[in-house]
Amino acid sequence: MKRTLLSRLHRNGVYYLIGALLLLLGVPLFQVLVLIPQGYSQALTASKSGHFTTYLAWINSHVVSFAAYRIVLAIAFGLLFSLPFTLFRIIVAQEILGPGEEPEEEESAQQEAAEEKETAGEGALPTDAWRGKGYAVIAAWSGLFGILLYALGTLAGTIYTVSSAASFTASLPASFSTFSSLFTIITNTVGGGLLALACLFFGAVIARRGLNLWPGIWVAFGYAALALAALFSGSAVATANSPMGGQAALTTAAILGFALWVLWFGAMLVRLRPE
């Protein structure tokens, strides 16, 4: 493995570890230590019951804490922006350079790949690297847009909610419930659904070849992605059925599971060593 590519993977792995730790520890601890003592749980419960006036009044009184909490959440997902295509590149490299089912064809493919790498330069993938990797391509783009929607949807929802709370008096803004549901669907239904698709296809691509191509820890990583896809799918459907309630019961479990999966991936990246 070229050192420039290896150093890039190590750097990305550090980003993923930070993002995963923010999702796994930073956001929950911020809730427990900062928001809940200020009455966030009661306000959130009121909003899920449709009493948005209580929720907006609380945000108006604690705007800094609420905005900081949502910004930390958006930053955590922003740090994972390159993850889908990093995993895609690893899958492509493993498919090209790893042991194959047909020795003669694999030897020829490896020779062609080596020649193309010499021509393209250090760290480059062959020109046909995407060929035959349809599911991995779908997974990469789905994951990219899923993470993007989570980050941008969280920021946009925060800006709208804070601005609504700032102008809130005694009556609820007419459009608040509509836009609140829209941002919830964008983040947890569309974003979560795309992440479910990404996890499903990434897991299937790795599990398809199994131990014939991948080390055992990567095979387990692939099967964990399949389980994660089920969580995100359940969360997306539940949120779509009740967007007024914000996060569904499975949403927290899906995000925490995703954080553990990303933590696992980041740890494997930073431990990579040149061959």
Protein backbone atom coordinates (compact mmCIF):
# COMPACT_ATOMS: atom_id res chain seq x y z
CA MET A 1 0.00 0.00 0.00
CA LYS A 2 1.39 3.38 -0.99
CA ARG A 3 2.35 5.57 1.93
CA THR A 4 0.46 8.62 0.61
CA LEU A 5 -2.76 6.61 0.41
CA LEU A 6 -2.05 5.04 3.80
CA SER A 7 -1.52 8.43 5.45
CA ARG A 8 -4.80 9.64 3.92
CA LEU A 9 -6.62 6.61 5.31
CA HIS A 10 -5.05 7.21 8.73
CA ARG A 11 -6.15 10.86 8.66
CA ASN A 12 -9.68 9.91 7.63
CA GLY A 13 -9.73 7.27 10.35
CA VAL A 14 -8.98 9.94 12.96
CA TYR A 15 -11.85 12.08 11.63
CA TYR A 16 -14.21 9.10 11.83
CA LEU A 17 -13.12 8.29 15.36
CA ILE A 18 -13.80 11.87 16.46
CA GLY A 19 -17.18 11.92 14.70
CA ALA A 20 -18.16 8.56 16.18
CA LEU A 21 -17.15 9.60 19.70
CA LEU A 22 -19.18 12.79 19.36
CA LEU A 23 -22.25 10.76 18.39
CA LEU A 24 -21.63 8.04 20.95
CA LEU A 25 -20.52 10.13 23.93
CA GLY A 26 -20.46 13.85 23.17
CA VAL A 27 -24.10 14.33 22.18
CA PRO A 28 -25.60 12.09 24.93
CA LEU A 29 -23.38 13.65 27.61
CA PHE A 30 -24.35 17.13 26.43
CA GLN A 31 -27.98 16.14 26.85
CA VAL A 32 -27.45 14.64 30.30
CA LEU A 33 -25.12 17.30 31.72
CA VAL A 34 -26.45 20.47 30.07
CA LEU A 35 -29.90 20.13 28.51
CA ILE A 36 -31.78 17.83 30.89
CA PRO A 37 -30.96 19.88 34.04
CA GLN A 38 -32.41 22.89 32.19
CA GLY A 39 -35.72 21.11 31.53
CA TYR A 40 -35.12 19.87 27.98
CA SER A 41 -36.82 16.52 28.59
CA GLN A 42 -40.09 18.14 29.62
CA ALA A 43 -40.01 20.50 26.64
CA LEU A 44 -39.28 17.65 24.24
CA THR A 45 -42.07 15.55 25.72
CA ALA A 46 -44.45 18.48 25.27
CA SER A 47 -43.48 18.86 21.61
CA LYS A 48 -44.08 15.17 20.96
CA SER A 49 -47.56 15.63 22.43
CA GLY A 50 -48.21 18.52 20.06
CA HIS A 51 -47.67 21.30 22.63
CA PHE A 52 -45.16 23.25 20.58
CA THR A 53 -45.67 26.46 22.52
CA THR A 54 -43.96 24.93 25.55
CA TYR A 55 -41.13 23.66 23.34
CA LEU A 56 -40.57 27.03 21.64
CA ALA A 57 -40.73 28.89 24.94
CA TRP A 58 -38.03 26.61 26.34
CA ILE A 59 -35.80 27.09 23.27
CA ASN A 60 -36.25 30.86 23.46
CA SER A 61 -34.98 30.75 27.05
CA HIS A 62 -32.10 28.34 26.33
CA VAL A 63 -31.16 29.19 22.77
CA VAL A 64 -27.39 28.90 23.29
CA SER A 65 -27.58 25.44 24.83
CA PHE A 66 -30.03 24.17 22.19
CA ALA A 67 -28.03 25.58 19.27
CA ALA A 68 -24.75 24.22 20.66
CA TYR A 69 -26.28 20.75 21.04
CA ARG A 70 -27.57 20.69 17.46
CA ILE A 71 -24.31 22.10 16.06
CA VAL A 72 -22.30 19.35 17.80
CA LEU A 73 -24.62 16.80 16.21
CA ALA A 74 -24.16 18.36 12.75
CA ILE A 75 -20.37 18.52 13.18
CA ALA A 76 -20.30 14.84 14.13
CA PHE A 77 -21.96 13.90 10.84
CA GLY A 78 -19.86 16.43 8.92
CA LEU A 79 -16.69 14.65 10.03
CA LEU A 80 -18.01 11.48 8.37
CA PHE A 81 -18.59 13.12 4.98
CA SER A 82 -15.81 11.19 3.19
CA LEU A 83 -16.55 7.84 4.85
CA PRO A 84 -18.71 6.25 2.10
CA PHE A 85 -16.13 6.75 -0.64
CA THR A 86 -13.25 5.79 1.65
CA LEU A 87 -14.97 2.46 2.25
CA PHE A 88 -15.73 2.20 -1.46
CA ARG A 89 -12.03 2.63 -2.35
CA ILE A 90 -11.06 -0.07 0.14
CA ILE A 91 -13.62 -2.46 -1.34
CA VAL A 92 -12.37 -1.78 -4.87
CA ALA A 93 -8.73 -2.22 -3.85
CA GLN A 94 -9.51 -5.46 -2.04
CA GLU A 95 -11.46 -6.81 -5.02
CA ILE A 96 -8.57 -5.98 -7.36
CA LEU A 97 -5.61 -6.99 -5.23
CA GLY A 98 -7.11 -9.62 -2.94
CA PRO A 99 -7.22 -13.38 -3.58
CA GLY A 100 -9.85 -14.30 -6.17
CA GLU A 101 -11.88 -17.34 -7.08
CA GLU A 102 -10.19 -17.73 -10.48
CA PRO A 103 -6.39 -17.69 -10.09
CA GLU A 104 -5.54 -17.20 -13.76
CA GLU A 105 -8.05 -14.42 -14.29
CA GLU A 106 -7.05 -12.80 -11.02
CA GLU A 107 -3.38 -12.88 -11.96
CA SER A 108 -4.15 -11.20 -15.27
CA ALA A 109 -6.35 -8.61 -13.56
CA GLN A 110 -3.68 -7.83 -11.00
CA GLN A 111 -1.06 -7.41 -13.73
CA GLU A 112 -3.33 -5.01 -15.65
CA ALA A 113 -4.12 -3.12 -12.46
CA ALA A 114 -0.43 -2.75 -11.66
CA GLU A 115 0.32 -1.44 -15.15
CA GLU A 116 -2.52 1.08 -14.95
CA LYS A 117 -1.39 2.25 -11.52
CA GLU A 118 2.12 2.89 -12.86
CA THR A 119 0.60 4.93 -15.68
CA ALA A 120 -1.93 6.82 -13.54
CA GLY A 121 0.44 7.58 -10.69
CA GLU A 122 0.78 6.81 -7.01
CA GLY A 123 -2.43 6.13 -5.07
CA ALA A 124 -4.64 6.15 -8.18
CA LEU A 125 -7.24 3.50 -8.93
CA PRO A 126 -7.37 1.77 -12.34
CA THR A 127 -9.63 3.37 -14.93
CA ASP A 128 -12.11 0.47 -14.71
CA ALA A 129 -12.13 0.39 -10.89
CA TRP A 130 -15.85 1.10 -10.81
CA ARG A 131 -16.67 -1.63 -13.33
CA GLY A 132 -18.71 -4.47 -11.82
CA LYS A 133 -19.01 -2.67 -8.49
CA GLY A 134 -22.57 -1.43 -9.01
CA TYR A 135 -23.78 -2.16 -5.49
CA ALA A 136 -20.71 -0.54 -3.95
CA VAL A 137 -21.21 2.54 -6.14
CA ILE A 138 -24.85 2.83 -5.04
CA ALA A 139 -23.75 2.36 -1.43
CA ALA A 140 -21.13 5.10 -1.70
CA TRP A 141 -23.47 7.69 -3.21
CA SER A 142 -26.35 6.74 -0.89
CA GLY A 143 -24.11 7.05 2.15
CA LEU A 144 -22.74 10.38 0.97
CA PHE A 145 -26.18 11.93 0.49
CA GLY A 146 -27.50 10.31 3.68
CA ILE A 147 -24.75 11.88 5.79
CA LEU A 148 -25.17 15.18 3.93
CA LEU A 149 -28.91 15.25 4.64
CA TYR A 150 -28.35 14.44 8.31
CA ALA A 151 -25.84 17.29 8.69
CA LEU A 152 -27.63 19.91 6.58
CA GLY A 153 -31.10 18.87 7.77
CA THR A 154 -30.00 19.26 11.38
CA LEU A 155 -28.50 22.71 10.72
CA ALA A 156 -31.49 23.92 8.69
CA GLY A 157 -33.95 22.61 11.29
CA THR A 158 -31.97 24.31 14.06
CA ILE A 159 -31.93 27.67 12.27
CA TYR A 160 -35.66 27.50 11.59
CA THR A 161 -36.56 26.40 15.13
CA VAL A 162 -34.37 29.02 16.80
CA SER A 163 -35.72 31.80 14.56
CA SER A 164 -39.30 30.65 15.24
CA ALA A 165 -38.62 30.62 18.98
CA ALA A 166 -37.09 34.11 18.83
CA SER A 167 -40.24 35.56 17.25
CA PHE A 168 -42.58 33.44 19.37
CA THR A 169 -45.03 35.30 21.60
CA ALA A 170 -48.19 33.58 22.79
CA SER A 171 -49.45 31.89 19.64
CA LEU A 172 -47.80 29.18 17.60
CA PRO A 173 -46.53 30.19 14.12
CA ALA A 174 -48.97 28.79 11.55
CA SER A 175 -46.31 26.99 9.53
CA PHE A 176 -44.24 25.65 12.41
CA SER A 177 -45.70 22.13 12.57
CA THR A 178 -45.42 21.76 8.79
CA PHE A 179 -41.79 22.84 8.56
CA SER A 180 -40.85 20.94 11.72
CA SER A 181 -42.25 17.74 10.20
CA LEU A 182 -40.48 18.50 6.90
CA PHE A 183 -37.07 18.82 8.55
CA THR A 184 -37.71 15.65 10.54
CA ILE A 185 -38.56 13.72 7.38
CA ILE A 186 -35.52 15.11 5.50
CA THR A 187 -33.18 14.14 8.33
CA ASN A 188 -34.51 10.92 9.78
CA THR A 189 -36.59 9.46 6.95
CA VAL A 190 -34.75 10.43 3.76
CA GLY A 191 -31.28 10.68 5.34
CA GLY A 192 -31.82 7.58 7.45
CA GLY A 193 -33.26 5.68 4.48
CA LEU A 194 -30.22 6.49 2.35
CA LEU A 195 -27.89 5.37 5.15
CA ALA A 196 -29.92 2.15 5.41
CA LEU A 197 -29.38 1.57 1.69
CA ALA A 198 -25.66 2.31 1.99
CA CYS A 199 -25.21 -0.06 4.93
CA LEU A 200 -27.23 -2.76 3.16
CA PHE A 201 -25.15 -2.69 -0.02
CA PHE A 202 -21.79 -2.23 1.70
CA GLY A 203 -22.58 -5.14 3.99
CA ALA A 204 -23.80 -7.29 1.11
CA VAL A 205 -20.69 -6.59 -1.00
CA ILE A 206 -18.37 -7.60 1.85
CA ALA A 207 -20.46 -10.59 3.00
CA ARG A 208 -20.79 -11.89 -0.59
CA ARG A 209 -17.10 -12.80 -0.79
CA GLY A 210 -16.72 -13.40 2.95
CA LEU A 211 -13.55 -15.04 4.21
CA ASN A 212 -12.52 -15.91 0.64
CA LEU A 213 -11.48 -12.29 0.23
CA TRP A 214 -11.76 -10.44 3.53
CA PRO A 215 -10.17 -10.91 6.98
CA GLY A 216 -12.57 -12.12 9.65
CA ILE A 217 -12.89 -8.71 11.31
CA TRP A 218 -13.99 -7.18 8.00
CA VAL A 219 -16.55 -9.92 7.44
CA ALA A 220 -18.01 -9.21 10.88
CA PHE A 221 -17.98 -5.51 9.98
CA GLY A 222 -19.99 -6.29 6.85
CA TYR A 223 -22.61 -8.29 8.73
CA ALA A 224 -22.85 -5.49 11.31
CA ALA A 225 -23.67 -3.15 8.41
CA LEU A 226 -26.59 -5.40 7.44
CA ALA A 227 -27.97 -5.23 10.99
CA LEU A 228 -27.51 -1.48 10.96
CA ALA A 229 -29.45 -1.25 7.70
CA ALA A 230 -32.42 -2.89 9.44
CA LEU A 231 -32.29 -0.34 12.28
CA PHE A 232 -32.13 2.64 9.94
CA SER A 233 -34.95 1.22 7.83
CA GLY A 234 -37.20 0.78 10.86
CA SER A 235 -36.34 4.29 12.08
CA ALA A 236 -37.06 5.83 8.66
CA VAL A 237 -40.47 4.14 8.36
CA ALA A 238 -41.49 4.98 11.93
CA THR A 239 -40.48 8.62 11.51
CA ALA A 240 -42.39 8.90 8.23
CA ASN A 241 -45.52 7.58 9.95
CA SER A 242 -45.27 10.12 12.78
CA PRO A 243 -43.06 13.09 11.80
CA MET A 244 -44.65 15.38 14.40
CA GLY A 245 -43.02 13.33 17.14
CA GLY A 246 -39.49 14.06 15.94
CA GLN A 247 -37.21 11.06 16.38
CA ALA A 248 -38.79 7.61 16.45
CA ALA A 249 -37.92 5.08 19.13
CA LEU A 250 -35.51 3.32 16.77
CA THR A 251 -33.76 6.53 15.69
CA THR A 252 -31.58 6.79 18.78
CA ALA A 253 -30.65 3.10 18.55
CA ALA A 254 -29.83 3.49 14.83
CA ILE A 255 -27.59 6.53 15.41
CA LEU A 256 -25.79 4.92 18.35
CA GLY A 257 -25.34 1.72 16.33
CA PHE A 258 -24.03 3.76 13.42
CA ALA A 259 -21.60 5.52 15.78
CA LEU A 260 -20.26 2.15 16.99
CA TRP A 261 -19.92 0.93 13.39
CA VAL A 262 -18.04 4.10 12.39
CA LEU A 263 -15.84 3.79 15.48
CA TRP A 264 -15.00 0.24 14.40
CA PHE A 265 -14.17 1.40 10.88
CA GLY A 266 -12.04 4.30 12.10
CA ALA A 267 -10.09 2.01 14.42
CA MET A 268 -9.36 -0.38 11.54
CA LEU A 269 -8.15 2.50 9.38
CA VAL A 270 -5.74 3.98 11.92
CA ARG A 271 -4.30 0.51 12.54
CA LEU A 272 -3.50 -0.11 8.87
CA ARG A 273 0.19 -0.74 8.19
CA PRO A 274 2.11 -0.79 4.90
CA GLU A 275 2.59 -4.24 3.40
